[in-house]
């Protein structure tokens, strides 16, 4: 832990920039960025974050402690359970702006996106305006393929929760007379791509949303919580 400098000169300037660098260090892990992405959706228990990330409890806790050390996340205890959330809404806005900056400046990211741009799932997309009309008309089935814990925290209106690892077993739950729209966390989330590819192989008309639930929420569009009524 840094100690506040006693001399208000060069030592103070170094101290200030050291604090900036601590936040940079906290953001230097892809796993911690994924955790921030998930927590932008809302509060999650440690167990839910384990389920969403595929990391074990020890690693998730270690990454969360690093984020907490620079006040990017906060903690809440309820009995034996521990819940994490972002420290404030500004943290999510900062994270999304950080992503936008990286998208603009990372040539490696551009190259990776180009590699998948001609995949069937990336050629069958729906944008935000189209989806708003689809929701209004109830003209397609919207499937959230994220883990159920993330769906419970935040999801699109009228969306069904069918996590990707359950899609094959629950395929018969999808109405046959409508097109299917899949979505997940963001446009980098491959869960929606895999779902579209599976559905296309089944002969279904399927597309993925070209943004994620966070972009939808930050655009001020309606979202829901909990599970859909059966």
Foldseek 3Di string as FASTA:
>chain_A
DDDQDPDPDPVNVVVVVVLVVLVVVLVPDPLLLVVLLLLLLHKDWLVVSCVQRVDDSVVSVVSVVSCVVSQQKDWDDDVPIIMIHGNDNVSNVVSVVVVVVCVVPPPVVVVVCVVCCPPPQNVFEDEDVRVVVCLVVVQAAEEEQGPPRSQQSKAAPNHAYQHLVRCVVCVVVGDQPHAYEYAYSFQVDCRRVVNQVVQVVVVGHYYYYNTHRSVCVVVVHDMDHHHDDD
